[in-house]
Amino acid sequence: MLVVSNTSPILNLAIVDRLTLLHLQIGKILIPSGVLEELKITEDRPGSQAISLAISAGWIQIREVSNQPLTQLLKQTLDKAESEAIALAVELKADWTLIDERDARKVAKSLGLKVTGILGILLRAKQTGELESLQPVIDNLIKKAGFRIAPELLAQILK
């Protein structure tokens, strides 16, 4: 399965010590250099070490985007990392694109990409038995990573 990720799914799962869920569910994840820059793995930040280890182990890999015109077009409304992640996913015809931000998700879907994010990963982990309960992980995401989720969506997911 070919999967391209934006920054937030990787970073937020690393902050709450659940980065391995991505590896268990997906295997290899590709990120563009703009995402690598945002991950700031050379700084001593929460999650940095886990991300560095995943890159060293080879299951998170950096790929350069060839389609610069698309990247530049996307940068008119999205940030660099989101633009590069979407452009890379289009270029590689990715099976999935991991993005949490609403505007970036809309753009990715409009370009024909299949999109999921942290909540999709967590739901799948719960269904496959990799996670016992969603509530503690979501609570940690909110407290430690500053993850924002609409109360209605949270209630729906926890059902």
Protein backbone atom coordinates (compact mmCIF):
# COMPACT_ATOMS: atom_id res chain seq x y z
CA MET A 1 0.00 0.00 0.00
CA LEU A 2 1.35 3.41 -0.98
CA VAL A 3 0.69 6.07 1.68
CA VAL A 4 1.82 9.70 1.85
CA SER A 5 1.51 11.63 5.10
CA ASN A 6 1.34 15.24 6.13
CA THR A 7 2.95 16.37 9.39
CA SER A 8 0.17 16.19 11.97
CA PRO A 9 -0.74 12.48 11.87
CA ILE A 10 2.90 11.50 12.39
CA LEU A 11 3.76 14.21 14.91
CA ASN A 12 0.65 13.92 17.04
CA LEU A 13 0.78 10.12 17.24
CA ALA A 14 4.47 10.34 18.16
CA ILE A 15 3.72 12.86 20.93
CA VAL A 16 1.25 10.45 22.55
CA ASP A 17 3.56 7.46 22.02
CA ARG A 18 1.31 5.78 19.42
CA LEU A 19 3.42 6.21 16.26
CA THR A 20 3.74 2.45 15.96
CA LEU A 21 0.03 2.27 15.06
CA LEU A 22 0.94 3.76 11.69
CA HIS A 23 3.63 1.16 11.13
CA LEU A 24 1.34 -1.70 12.20
CA GLN A 25 -1.51 -0.59 9.93
CA ILE A 26 0.32 0.80 6.93
CA GLY A 27 3.90 -0.41 6.86
CA LYS A 28 5.88 2.18 4.92
CA ILE A 29 4.91 5.87 4.85
CA LEU A 30 6.30 8.45 2.45
CA ILE A 31 6.75 12.10 3.37
CA PRO A 32 8.02 15.05 1.32
CA SER A 33 10.89 17.23 2.58
CA GLY A 34 8.44 19.96 3.66
CA VAL A 35 6.88 17.53 6.13
CA LEU A 36 10.32 16.48 7.37
CA GLU A 37 11.13 20.15 8.05
CA GLU A 38 7.91 20.61 10.06
CA LEU A 39 8.61 17.48 12.11
CA LYS A 40 11.77 19.19 13.47
CA ILE A 41 13.37 15.87 14.38
CA THR A 42 16.73 17.48 15.13
CA GLU A 43 15.18 19.45 18.01
CA ASP A 44 14.47 18.04 21.44
CA ARG A 45 10.69 18.04 21.23
CA PRO A 46 7.99 15.58 22.25
CA GLY A 47 7.84 12.78 19.69
CA SER A 48 11.08 13.75 17.89
CA GLN A 49 13.02 10.69 18.98
CA ALA A 50 10.27 8.25 17.95
CA ILE A 51 10.03 9.89 14.52
CA SER A 52 13.82 9.80 14.09
CA LEU A 53 13.83 6.10 14.95
CA ALA A 54 11.05 5.42 12.40
CA ILE A 55 13.04 7.23 9.71
CA SER A 56 16.23 5.36 10.67
CA ALA A 57 14.31 2.07 10.58
CA GLY A 58 13.13 2.97 7.07
CA TRP A 59 9.39 2.77 7.54
CA ILE A 60 9.06 6.54 7.23
CA GLN A 61 10.84 7.59 4.04
CA ILE A 62 11.48 10.98 2.50
CA ARG A 63 10.57 11.48 -1.16
CA GLU A 64 11.05 14.64 -3.18
CA VAL A 65 8.11 16.04 -5.10
CA SER A 66 8.70 16.29 -8.85
CA ASN A 67 5.50 18.15 -9.69
CA GLN A 68 6.58 21.65 -8.65
CA PRO A 69 3.83 23.45 -10.64
CA LEU A 70 1.16 21.60 -8.64
CA THR A 71 3.01 22.27 -5.39
CA GLN A 72 3.20 26.00 -6.18
CA LEU A 73 -0.49 26.09 -7.06
CA LEU A 74 -1.44 24.37 -3.81
CA LYS A 75 0.76 26.76 -1.79
CA GLN A 76 -1.62 29.56 -2.73
CA THR A 77 -4.11 28.17 -0.20
CA LEU A 78 -2.20 25.59 1.89
CA ASP A 79 1.10 25.54 3.75
CA LYS A 80 4.29 24.08 2.28
CA ALA A 81 4.05 20.66 3.94
CA GLU A 82 0.38 20.16 3.06
CA SER A 83 1.02 21.28 -0.52
CA GLU A 84 3.98 18.93 -0.94
CA ALA A 85 2.18 15.98 0.68
CA ILE A 86 -0.84 16.38 -1.61
CA ALA A 87 1.34 16.91 -4.70
CA LEU A 88 3.42 13.82 -3.84
CA ALA A 89 0.28 11.73 -3.29
CA VAL A 90 -1.11 12.83 -6.67
CA GLU A 91 2.23 12.21 -8.37
CA LEU A 92 2.63 8.71 -6.92
CA LYS A 93 -1.08 7.83 -7.19
CA ALA A 94 -1.06 7.04 -3.46
CA ASP A 95 -3.61 4.61 -2.06
CA TRP A 96 -4.08 6.90 0.97
CA THR A 97 -3.10 10.38 2.07
CA LEU A 98 -2.85 11.06 5.81
CA ILE A 99 -4.06 14.59 6.56
CA ASP A 100 -5.95 16.02 9.53
CA GLU A 101 -6.47 19.66 8.55
CA ARG A 102 -9.93 20.32 7.11
CA ASP A 103 -8.95 22.62 4.22
CA ALA A 104 -6.13 20.32 3.11
CA ARG A 105 -8.46 17.31 3.26
CA LYS A 106 -10.98 19.09 1.03
CA VAL A 107 -8.29 19.94 -1.52
CA ALA A 108 -6.89 16.39 -1.48
CA LYS A 109 -10.34 14.90 -2.00
CA SER A 110 -11.05 17.34 -4.83
CA LEU A 111 -7.94 15.96 -6.56
CA GLY A 112 -9.28 12.42 -6.25
CA LEU A 113 -7.18 11.31 -3.27
CA LYS A 114 -8.43 8.97 -0.57
CA VAL A 115 -7.89 10.70 2.76
CA THR A 116 -7.77 9.62 6.37
CA GLY A 117 -6.22 11.08 9.50
CA ILE A 118 -5.45 10.32 13.11
CA LEU A 119 -9.05 9.51 13.99
CA GLY A 120 -9.32 7.05 11.12
CA ILE A 121 -6.08 5.39 12.21
CA LEU A 122 -7.31 5.16 15.82
CA LEU A 123 -10.70 3.74 14.81
CA ARG A 124 -9.03 1.10 12.70
CA ALA A 125 -6.64 0.27 15.56
CA LYS A 126 -9.62 -0.19 17.89
CA GLN A 127 -11.40 -2.42 15.36
CA THR A 128 -8.32 -4.60 14.84
CA GLY A 129 -7.59 -4.88 18.57
CA GLU A 130 -4.37 -2.83 18.47
CA LEU A 131 -6.05 -0.36 20.84
CA GLU A 132 -8.19 -1.31 23.80
CA SER A 133 -9.92 2.05 24.17
CA LEU A 134 -10.10 5.24 22.12
CA GLN A 135 -10.92 7.64 24.96
CA PRO A 136 -7.50 7.69 26.71
CA VAL A 137 -5.62 8.16 23.43
CA ILE A 138 -7.93 10.95 22.27
CA ASP A 139 -7.67 12.60 25.71
CA ASN A 140 -3.87 12.45 25.43
CA LEU A 141 -3.97 13.90 21.92
CA ILE A 142 -6.03 16.83 23.19
CA LYS A 143 -3.92 17.42 26.34
CA LYS A 144 -0.39 16.70 25.11
CA ALA A 145 -0.55 17.45 21.39
CA GLY A 146 -3.18 20.19 21.34
CA PHE A 147 -5.30 18.12 18.95
CA ARG A 148 -8.65 19.75 18.24
CA ILE A 149 -11.80 17.79 17.62
CA ALA A 150 -15.39 18.99 17.43
CA PRO A 151 -17.44 17.70 20.40
CA GLU A 152 -20.06 16.22 18.03
CA LEU A 153 -17.40 14.30 16.10
CA LEU A 154 -15.81 13.08 19.33
CA ALA A 155 -19.16 11.78 20.58
CA GLN A 156 -19.79 10.06 17.24
CA ILE A 157 -16.37 8.40 17.22
CA LEU A 158 -16.61 7.17 20.79
CA LYS A 159 -19.93 5.42 19.97
